[in-house]
């Protein structure tokens, strides 16, 4: 199943359209990177916010800015943790 998501990201004070093609579920890394950027742009500490979300499941840890909350909601928290551990442990 192929899905297309259109997201808006702010670069040099201009909004540009960036399409991320998804096959099945969107790639965890791409979503985490986009959510991280959105949190950073809004002045949050992205790592703290993501940890809070992963531990509690409370989506309000993630900003609505640039659709970040909707994006991260497409992933299961256990899938995110699995991907982070695989990358960290290089497995």
C-alpha atoms as a PDB file:
ATOM      1  CA  UNK A   1       0.000   0.000   0.000  1.00  0.00           C
ATOM      2  CA  UNK A   2       1.491   3.317  -1.056  1.00  0.00           C
ATOM      3  CA  UNK A   3       0.742   6.553   0.769  1.00  0.00           C
ATOM      4  CA  UNK A   4       1.798  10.106  -0.045  1.00  0.00           C
ATOM      5  CA  UNK A   5       2.206  12.666   2.689  1.00  0.00           C
ATOM      6  CA  UNK A   6       2.798  16.335   2.054  1.00  0.00           C
ATOM      7  CA  UNK A   7       4.502  18.229   4.814  1.00  0.00           C
ATOM      8  CA  UNK A   8       5.532  21.830   5.077  1.00  0.00           C
ATOM      9  CA  UNK A   9       8.882  22.753   6.526  1.00  0.00           C
ATOM     10  CA  UNK A  10      10.222  26.248   7.115  1.00  0.00           C
ATOM     11  CA  UNK A  11      13.513  27.062   5.415  1.00  0.00           C
ATOM     12  CA  UNK A  12      14.922  30.585   5.166  1.00  0.00           C
ATOM     13  CA  UNK A  13      11.538  31.992   6.205  1.00  0.00           C
ATOM     14  CA  UNK A  14       9.850  30.480   3.167  1.00  0.00           C
ATOM     15  CA  UNK A  15       7.509  27.539   3.266  1.00  0.00           C
ATOM     16  CA  UNK A  16       8.281  24.899   0.692  1.00  0.00           C
ATOM     17  CA  UNK A  17       6.501  21.689  -0.107  1.00  0.00           C
ATOM     18  CA  UNK A  18       8.321  18.456   0.567  1.00  0.00           C
ATOM     19  CA  UNK A  19       6.783  15.114  -0.322  1.00  0.00           C
ATOM     20  CA  UNK A  20       7.791  11.976   1.485  1.00  0.00           C
ATOM     21  CA  UNK A  21       6.755   8.819  -0.273  1.00  0.00           C
ATOM     22  CA  UNK A  22       5.821   6.006   2.011  1.00  0.00           C
ATOM     23  CA  UNK A  23       5.614   2.351   1.210  1.00  0.00           C
ATOM     24  CA  UNK A  24       3.434   0.788   3.902  1.00  0.00           C
ATOM     25  CA  UNK A  25       4.466   2.824   6.939  1.00  0.00           C
ATOM     26  CA  UNK A  26       6.669   5.902   6.694  1.00  0.00           C
ATOM     27  CA  UNK A  27      10.264   5.423   7.578  1.00  0.00           C
ATOM     28  CA  UNK A  28      10.892   5.922  11.267  1.00  0.00           C
ATOM     29  CA  UNK A  29      14.124   7.834  10.749  1.00  0.00           C
ATOM     30  CA  UNK A  30      12.539  10.370   8.381  1.00  0.00           C
ATOM     31  CA  UNK A  31       9.662  10.968  10.770  1.00  0.00           C
ATOM     32  CA  UNK A  32      11.943  11.340  13.801  1.00  0.00           C
ATOM     33  CA  UNK A  33      14.169  13.778  11.914  1.00  0.00           C
ATOM     34  CA  UNK A  34      11.199  15.905  10.855  1.00  0.00           C
ATOM     35  CA  UNK A  35       9.680  15.873  14.349  1.00  0.00           C
ATOM     36  CA  UNK A  36      13.085  16.771  15.815  1.00  0.00           C
ATOM     37  CA  UNK A  37      13.416  19.750  13.438  1.00  0.00           C
ATOM     38  CA  UNK A  38       9.917  20.952  14.268  1.00  0.00           C
ATOM     39  CA  UNK A  39      10.562  20.770  18.012  1.00  0.00           C
ATOM     40  CA  UNK A  40      13.878  22.573  17.594  1.00  0.00           C
ATOM     41  CA  UNK A  41      12.330  25.334  15.470  1.00  0.00           C
ATOM     42  CA  UNK A  42       9.733  25.955  18.172  1.00  0.00           C
ATOM     43  CA  UNK A  43      12.454  26.316  20.815  1.00  0.00           C
ATOM     44  CA  UNK A  44      11.948  23.015  22.628  1.00  0.00           C
ATOM     45  CA  UNK A  45      14.664  20.584  23.678  1.00  0.00           C
ATOM     46  CA  UNK A  46      13.840  17.841  21.132  1.00  0.00           C
ATOM     47  CA  UNK A  47      15.477  14.942  22.967  1.00  0.00           C
ATOM     48  CA  UNK A  48      13.650  15.719  26.213  1.00  0.00           C
ATOM     49  CA  UNK A  49      10.328  16.064  24.401  1.00  0.00           C
ATOM     50  CA  UNK A  50      10.779  12.825  22.451  1.00  0.00           C
ATOM     51  CA  UNK A  51      11.794  10.912  25.588  1.00  0.00           C
ATOM     52  CA  UNK A  52       8.729  12.257  27.397  1.00  0.00           C
ATOM     53  CA  UNK A  53       6.528  11.121  24.526  1.00  0.00           C
ATOM     54  CA  UNK A  54       8.119   7.676  24.291  1.00  0.00           C
ATOM     55  CA  UNK A  55       7.832   7.030  28.033  1.00  0.00           C
ATOM     56  CA  UNK A  56       4.335   8.407  28.592  1.00  0.00           C
ATOM     57  CA  UNK A  57       2.618   8.104  25.222  1.00  0.00           C
ATOM     58  CA  UNK A  58       1.255  11.626  25.751  1.00  0.00           C
ATOM     59  CA  UNK A  59       1.159  13.273  22.303  1.00  0.00           C
ATOM     60  CA  UNK A  60       1.226  16.770  23.796  1.00  0.00           C
ATOM     61  CA  UNK A  61       4.988  16.344  24.241  1.00  0.00           C
ATOM     62  CA  UNK A  62       5.152  16.797  20.460  1.00  0.00           C
ATOM     63  CA  UNK A  63       4.290  20.123  18.856  1.00  0.00           C
ATOM     64  CA  UNK A  64       1.577  20.435  16.217  1.00  0.00           C
ATOM     65  CA  UNK A  65       3.949  22.691  14.264  1.00  0.00           C
ATOM     66  CA  UNK A  66       4.588  21.370  10.730  1.00  0.00           C
ATOM     67  CA  UNK A  67       2.252  18.449  11.465  1.00  0.00           C
ATOM     68  CA  UNK A  68       4.856  16.828  13.730  1.00  0.00           C
ATOM     69  CA  UNK A  69       2.304  15.360  16.145  1.00  0.00           C
ATOM     70  CA  UNK A  70       0.304  13.790  13.327  1.00  0.00           C
ATOM     71  CA  UNK A  71       3.486  12.388  11.804  1.00  0.00           C
ATOM     72  CA  UNK A  72       4.776  10.740  14.969  1.00  0.00           C
ATOM     73  CA  UNK A  73       1.301   9.344  15.631  1.00  0.00           C
ATOM     74  CA  UNK A  74       1.697   7.235  12.485  1.00  0.00           C
ATOM     75  CA  UNK A  75       4.301   5.154  14.322  1.00  0.00           C
ATOM     76  CA  UNK A  76       3.937   2.880  17.315  1.00  0.00           C
ATOM     77  CA  UNK A  77       6.167   3.857  20.224  1.00  0.00           C
ATOM     78  CA  UNK A  78       7.671   0.370  20.407  1.00  0.00           C
ATOM     79  CA  UNK A  79       8.629   0.613  16.713  1.00  0.00           C
ATOM     80  CA  UNK A  80      10.401   3.905  17.396  1.00  0.00           C
ATOM     81  CA  UNK A  81      12.298   2.423  20.352  1.00  0.00           C
ATOM     82  CA  UNK A  82      13.231  -0.643  18.315  1.00  0.00           C
ATOM     83  CA  UNK A  83      14.629   1.528  15.514  1.00  0.00           C
ATOM     84  CA  UNK A  84      16.535   3.762  17.949  1.00  0.00           C
ATOM     85  CA  UNK A  85      18.093   0.744  19.680  1.00  0.00           C
ATOM     86  CA  UNK A  86      19.041  -0.901  16.377  1.00  0.00           C
ATOM     87  CA  UNK A  87      20.749   2.289  15.260  1.00  0.00           C
ATOM     88  CA  UNK A  88      22.440   2.895  18.616  1.00  0.00           C
ATOM     89  CA  UNK A  89      23.681  -0.681  18.861  1.00  0.00           C
ATOM     90  CA  UNK A  90      24.308  -0.874  15.088  1.00  0.00           C
ATOM     91  CA  UNK A  91      22.404  -4.142  14.755  1.00  0.00           C
END
